[in-house]
């Protein structure tokens, strides 16, 4: 029986939450919006969710990501920052 290992490297995209948060903050500033204005857009009673997004502690839900991309005038793909992770697969 042949015991040769299959070594194929697969690159899996993973969201870099910290970099995505910094990106959200940068895009918000470039759009000329304050956190308070963003809070009003989303109808949040407090700005905590937006601060968590910007710190990379949480990501917007898909619905909120859609609103965020429209509000900032960019595609969702321009908001999310990915990092590649290597994984061996057979």
N, C-alpha and C. Protein backbone atom coordinates (compact mmCIF):
# COMPACT_ATOMS: atom_id res chain seq x y z
N UNK A 1 0.84 -1.17 0.00
CA UNK A 1 0.00 0.00 0.00
C UNK A 1 0.89 1.24 0.00
N UNK A 2 0.59 2.19 -0.83
CA UNK A 2 1.38 3.40 -0.96
C UNK A 2 0.97 4.41 0.11
N UNK A 3 1.94 4.90 0.87
CA UNK A 3 1.63 5.86 1.94
C UNK A 3 2.03 7.28 1.57
N UNK A 4 2.07 7.59 0.27
CA UNK A 4 2.42 8.93 -0.18
C UNK A 4 1.31 9.90 0.21
N UNK A 5 1.70 11.00 0.82
CA UNK A 5 0.72 12.00 1.24
C UNK A 5 0.38 12.92 0.08
N UNK A 6 -0.86 13.26 0.02
CA UNK A 6 -1.33 14.23 -0.97
C UNK A 6 -1.08 15.62 -0.39
N UNK A 7 -0.30 16.41 -1.06
CA UNK A 7 0.01 17.76 -0.57
C UNK A 7 -0.41 18.79 -1.61
N UNK A 8 -1.62 19.19 -1.50
CA UNK A 8 -2.14 20.25 -2.36
C UNK A 8 -2.52 21.40 -1.44
N UNK A 9 -1.98 22.58 -1.71
CA UNK A 9 -2.28 23.73 -0.89
C UNK A 9 -3.47 24.47 -1.47
N UNK A 10 -4.43 24.74 -0.61
CA UNK A 10 -5.62 25.48 -0.98
C UNK A 10 -5.60 26.79 -0.21
N UNK A 11 -5.92 27.88 -0.85
CA UNK A 11 -5.96 29.18 -0.20
C UNK A 11 -7.41 29.56 0.06
N UNK A 12 -7.74 29.68 1.33
CA UNK A 12 -9.10 30.01 1.73
C UNK A 12 -9.17 31.48 2.12
N UNK A 13 -10.08 32.23 1.52
CA UNK A 13 -10.21 33.64 1.92
C UNK A 13 -10.93 33.73 3.26
N UNK A 14 -10.38 34.52 4.14
CA UNK A 14 -11.01 34.79 5.44
C UNK A 14 -11.08 36.29 5.62
N UNK A 15 -12.14 36.75 6.23
CA UNK A 15 -12.29 38.18 6.44
C UNK A 15 -11.33 38.63 7.55
N UNK A 16 -10.57 39.65 7.27
CA UNK A 16 -9.70 40.28 8.27
C UNK A 16 -10.56 41.34 8.95
N UNK A 17 -11.07 41.02 10.13
CA UNK A 17 -12.02 41.91 10.80
C UNK A 17 -11.41 43.25 11.18
N UNK A 18 -10.17 43.25 11.66
CA UNK A 18 -9.52 44.50 12.06
C UNK A 18 -9.31 45.41 10.85
N UNK A 19 -8.81 44.85 9.76
CA UNK A 19 -8.57 45.64 8.55
C UNK A 19 -9.89 46.10 7.93
N UNK A 20 -10.92 45.26 8.00
CA UNK A 20 -12.24 45.65 7.49
C UNK A 20 -12.79 46.80 8.32
N UNK A 21 -12.61 46.74 9.63
CA UNK A 21 -13.07 47.83 10.49
C UNK A 21 -12.37 49.14 10.18
N UNK A 22 -11.06 49.08 9.99
CA UNK A 22 -10.31 50.30 9.62
C UNK A 22 -10.79 50.82 8.28
N UNK A 23 -11.12 49.90 7.37
CA UNK A 23 -11.61 50.29 6.06
C UNK A 23 -12.97 50.98 6.16
N UNK A 24 -13.85 50.45 7.00
CA UNK A 24 -15.16 51.08 7.20
C UNK A 24 -14.99 52.50 7.73
N UNK A 25 -14.12 52.67 8.71
CA UNK A 25 -13.87 54.01 9.27
C UNK A 25 -13.32 54.96 8.21
N UNK A 26 -12.37 54.47 7.42
CA UNK A 26 -11.77 55.30 6.37
C UNK A 26 -12.82 55.69 5.33
N UNK A 27 -13.59 54.73 4.86
CA UNK A 27 -14.62 55.01 3.85
C UNK A 27 -15.69 55.96 4.39
N UNK A 28 -16.05 55.82 5.66
CA UNK A 28 -17.02 56.73 6.27
C UNK A 28 -16.49 58.15 6.26
N UNK A 29 -15.22 58.32 6.68
CA UNK A 29 -14.62 59.66 6.69
C UNK A 29 -14.53 60.23 5.29
N UNK A 30 -14.12 59.40 4.31
CA UNK A 30 -14.01 59.87 2.93
C UNK A 30 -15.37 60.28 2.37
N UNK A 31 -16.42 59.65 2.84
CA UNK A 31 -17.78 60.00 2.40
C UNK A 31 -18.29 61.24 3.13
N UNK A 32 -17.51 61.73 4.10
CA UNK A 32 -17.89 62.93 4.84
C UNK A 32 -19.00 62.70 5.85
N UNK A 33 -19.10 61.47 6.35
CA UNK A 33 -20.15 61.13 7.30
C UNK A 33 -19.59 60.96 8.71
N UNK A 34 -20.36 61.41 9.69
CA UNK A 34 -20.00 61.19 11.08
C UNK A 34 -20.62 59.88 11.54
N UNK A 35 -20.16 59.39 12.68
CA UNK A 35 -20.75 58.18 13.25
C UNK A 35 -22.22 58.45 13.57
N UNK A 36 -22.53 59.62 14.06
CA UNK A 36 -23.92 60.00 14.37
C UNK A 36 -24.79 59.94 13.11
N UNK A 37 -24.28 60.43 11.99
CA UNK A 37 -25.04 60.37 10.74
C UNK A 37 -25.27 58.92 10.32
N UNK A 38 -24.25 58.09 10.50
CA UNK A 38 -24.40 56.67 10.16
C UNK A 38 -25.43 56.02 11.08
N UNK A 39 -25.42 56.38 12.33
CA UNK A 39 -26.40 55.87 13.28
C UNK A 39 -27.81 56.19 12.81
N UNK A 40 -28.01 57.41 12.33
CA UNK A 40 -29.33 57.81 11.82
C UNK A 40 -29.72 57.03 10.57
N UNK A 41 -28.75 56.79 9.68
CA UNK A 41 -29.03 56.02 8.46
C UNK A 41 -29.56 54.63 8.82
N UNK A 42 -28.94 54.00 9.80
CA UNK A 42 -29.32 52.64 10.17
C UNK A 42 -30.49 52.60 11.16
N UNK A 43 -30.83 53.75 11.74
CA UNK A 43 -31.92 53.79 12.70
C UNK A 43 -31.55 53.17 14.04
N UNK A 44 -30.25 53.15 14.35
CA UNK A 44 -29.80 52.60 15.62
C UNK A 44 -30.06 53.62 16.73
N UNK A 45 -30.43 53.14 17.91
CA UNK A 45 -30.66 54.04 19.03
C UNK A 45 -29.34 54.52 19.65
N UNK A 46 -28.27 53.74 19.48
CA UNK A 46 -26.94 54.12 19.95
C UNK A 46 -25.94 53.85 18.82
N UNK A 47 -24.77 54.46 18.88
CA UNK A 47 -23.77 54.25 17.83
C UNK A 47 -22.86 53.04 18.07
N UNK A 48 -23.14 52.26 19.11
CA UNK A 48 -22.21 51.19 19.51
C UNK A 48 -21.92 50.19 18.41
N UNK A 49 -22.92 49.81 17.62
CA UNK A 49 -22.68 48.83 16.54
C UNK A 49 -21.68 49.38 15.53
N UNK A 50 -21.81 50.64 15.19
CA UNK A 50 -20.89 51.25 14.22
C UNK A 50 -19.48 51.30 14.79
N UNK A 51 -19.35 51.66 16.05
CA UNK A 51 -18.02 51.66 16.68
C UNK A 51 -17.43 50.25 16.71
N UNK A 52 -18.24 49.24 16.97
CA UNK A 52 -17.75 47.86 16.97
C UNK A 52 -17.29 47.45 15.58
N UNK A 53 -18.02 47.88 14.55
CA UNK A 53 -17.58 47.58 13.17
C UNK A 53 -16.22 48.21 12.92
N UNK A 54 -16.09 49.49 13.29
CA UNK A 54 -14.85 50.22 13.02
C UNK A 54 -13.66 49.69 13.81
N UNK A 55 -13.90 49.10 14.97
CA UNK A 55 -12.82 48.51 15.77
C UNK A 55 -12.53 47.07 15.36
N UNK A 56 -13.33 46.52 14.46
CA UNK A 56 -13.13 45.15 14.02
C UNK A 56 -13.61 44.12 15.04
N UNK A 57 -14.47 44.53 15.93
CA UNK A 57 -15.01 43.62 16.95
C UNK A 57 -16.23 42.86 16.44
N UNK A 58 -16.86 43.40 15.41
CA UNK A 58 -18.05 42.77 14.83
C UNK A 58 -18.13 43.19 13.37
N UNK A 59 -18.88 42.42 12.61
CA UNK A 59 -19.12 42.76 11.20
C UNK A 59 -20.60 43.08 11.02
N UNK A 60 -20.92 43.98 10.09
CA UNK A 60 -22.33 44.24 9.81
C UNK A 60 -23.01 42.98 9.28
N UNK A 61 -24.29 42.84 9.57
CA UNK A 61 -25.06 41.76 8.97
C UNK A 61 -25.10 42.00 7.46
N UNK A 62 -25.52 41.01 6.72
CA UNK A 62 -25.59 41.16 5.27
C UNK A 62 -26.53 42.31 4.89
N UNK A 63 -27.65 42.42 5.57
CA UNK A 63 -28.57 43.54 5.30
C UNK A 63 -27.90 44.88 5.58
N UNK A 64 -27.22 44.97 6.72
CA UNK A 64 -26.54 46.22 7.06
C UNK A 64 -25.36 46.49 6.14
N UNK A 65 -24.69 45.44 5.68
CA UNK A 65 -23.58 45.62 4.74
C UNK A 65 -24.09 46.21 3.43
N UNK A 66 -25.27 45.78 3.01
CA UNK A 66 -25.87 46.32 1.79
C UNK A 66 -26.16 47.81 1.95
N UNK A 67 -26.75 48.19 3.08
CA UNK A 67 -27.04 49.60 3.35
C UNK A 67 -25.73 50.38 3.45
N UNK A 68 -24.74 49.81 4.11
CA UNK A 68 -23.45 50.47 4.27
C UNK A 68 -22.80 50.74 2.92
N UNK A 69 -22.82 49.76 2.04
CA UNK A 69 -22.19 49.95 0.72
C UNK A 69 -22.92 51.03 -0.08
N UNK A 70 -24.23 51.05 -0.01
CA UNK A 70 -24.99 52.09 -0.73
C UNK A 70 -24.74 53.47 -0.12
N UNK A 71 -24.68 53.53 1.20
CA UNK A 71 -24.47 54.81 1.89
C UNK A 71 -23.08 55.36 1.60
N UNK A 72 -22.09 54.47 1.55
CA UNK A 72 -20.71 54.91 1.30
C UNK A 72 -20.40 55.05 -0.19
N UNK A 73 -21.30 54.55 -1.03
CA UNK A 73 -21.09 54.66 -2.47
C UNK A 73 -20.03 53.73 -3.02
N UNK A 74 -19.89 52.56 -2.39
CA UNK A 74 -18.90 51.57 -2.85
C UNK A 74 -19.56 50.20 -2.88
N UNK A 75 -18.92 49.27 -3.57
CA UNK A 75 -19.39 47.89 -3.59
C UNK A 75 -19.03 47.21 -2.27
N UNK A 76 -19.80 46.20 -1.89
CA UNK A 76 -19.48 45.47 -0.67
C UNK A 76 -18.07 44.91 -0.72
N UNK A 77 -17.62 44.49 -1.90
CA UNK A 77 -16.27 43.94 -2.05
C UNK A 77 -15.19 44.96 -1.74
N UNK A 78 -15.54 46.25 -1.81
CA UNK A 78 -14.57 47.29 -1.49
C UNK A 78 -14.52 47.58 0.01
N UNK A 79 -15.49 47.09 0.75
CA UNK A 79 -15.53 47.29 2.19
C UNK A 79 -14.77 46.18 2.91
N UNK A 80 -14.98 44.96 2.46
CA UNK A 80 -14.41 43.79 3.12
C UNK A 80 -12.95 43.60 2.73
N UNK A 81 -12.11 43.35 3.72
CA UNK A 81 -10.69 43.08 3.49
C UNK A 81 -10.46 41.60 3.82
N UNK A 82 -9.85 40.89 2.89
CA UNK A 82 -9.61 39.46 3.06
C UNK A 82 -8.15 39.18 3.37
N UNK A 83 -7.93 38.10 4.05
CA UNK A 83 -6.58 37.55 4.22
C UNK A 83 -6.65 36.10 3.74
N UNK A 84 -5.61 35.63 3.11
CA UNK A 84 -5.59 34.25 2.64
C UNK A 84 -5.00 33.34 3.70
N UNK A 85 -5.59 32.19 3.85
CA UNK A 85 -5.11 31.19 4.77
C UNK A 85 -4.81 29.93 3.99
N UNK A 86 -3.63 29.38 4.20
CA UNK A 86 -3.25 28.15 3.51
C UNK A 86 -3.79 26.94 4.26
N UNK A 87 -4.21 25.96 3.49
CA UNK A 87 -4.68 24.73 4.08
C UNK A 87 -4.32 23.59 3.13
N UNK A 88 -3.81 22.50 3.69
CA UNK A 88 -3.51 21.34 2.87
C UNK A 88 -4.78 20.54 2.65
N UNK A 89 -4.97 20.12 1.41
CA UNK A 89 -6.15 19.34 1.07
C UNK A 89 -5.75 18.22 0.12
N UNK A 90 -6.52 17.16 0.11
CA UNK A 90 -6.28 16.03 -0.80
C UNK A 90 -7.48 15.86 -1.69
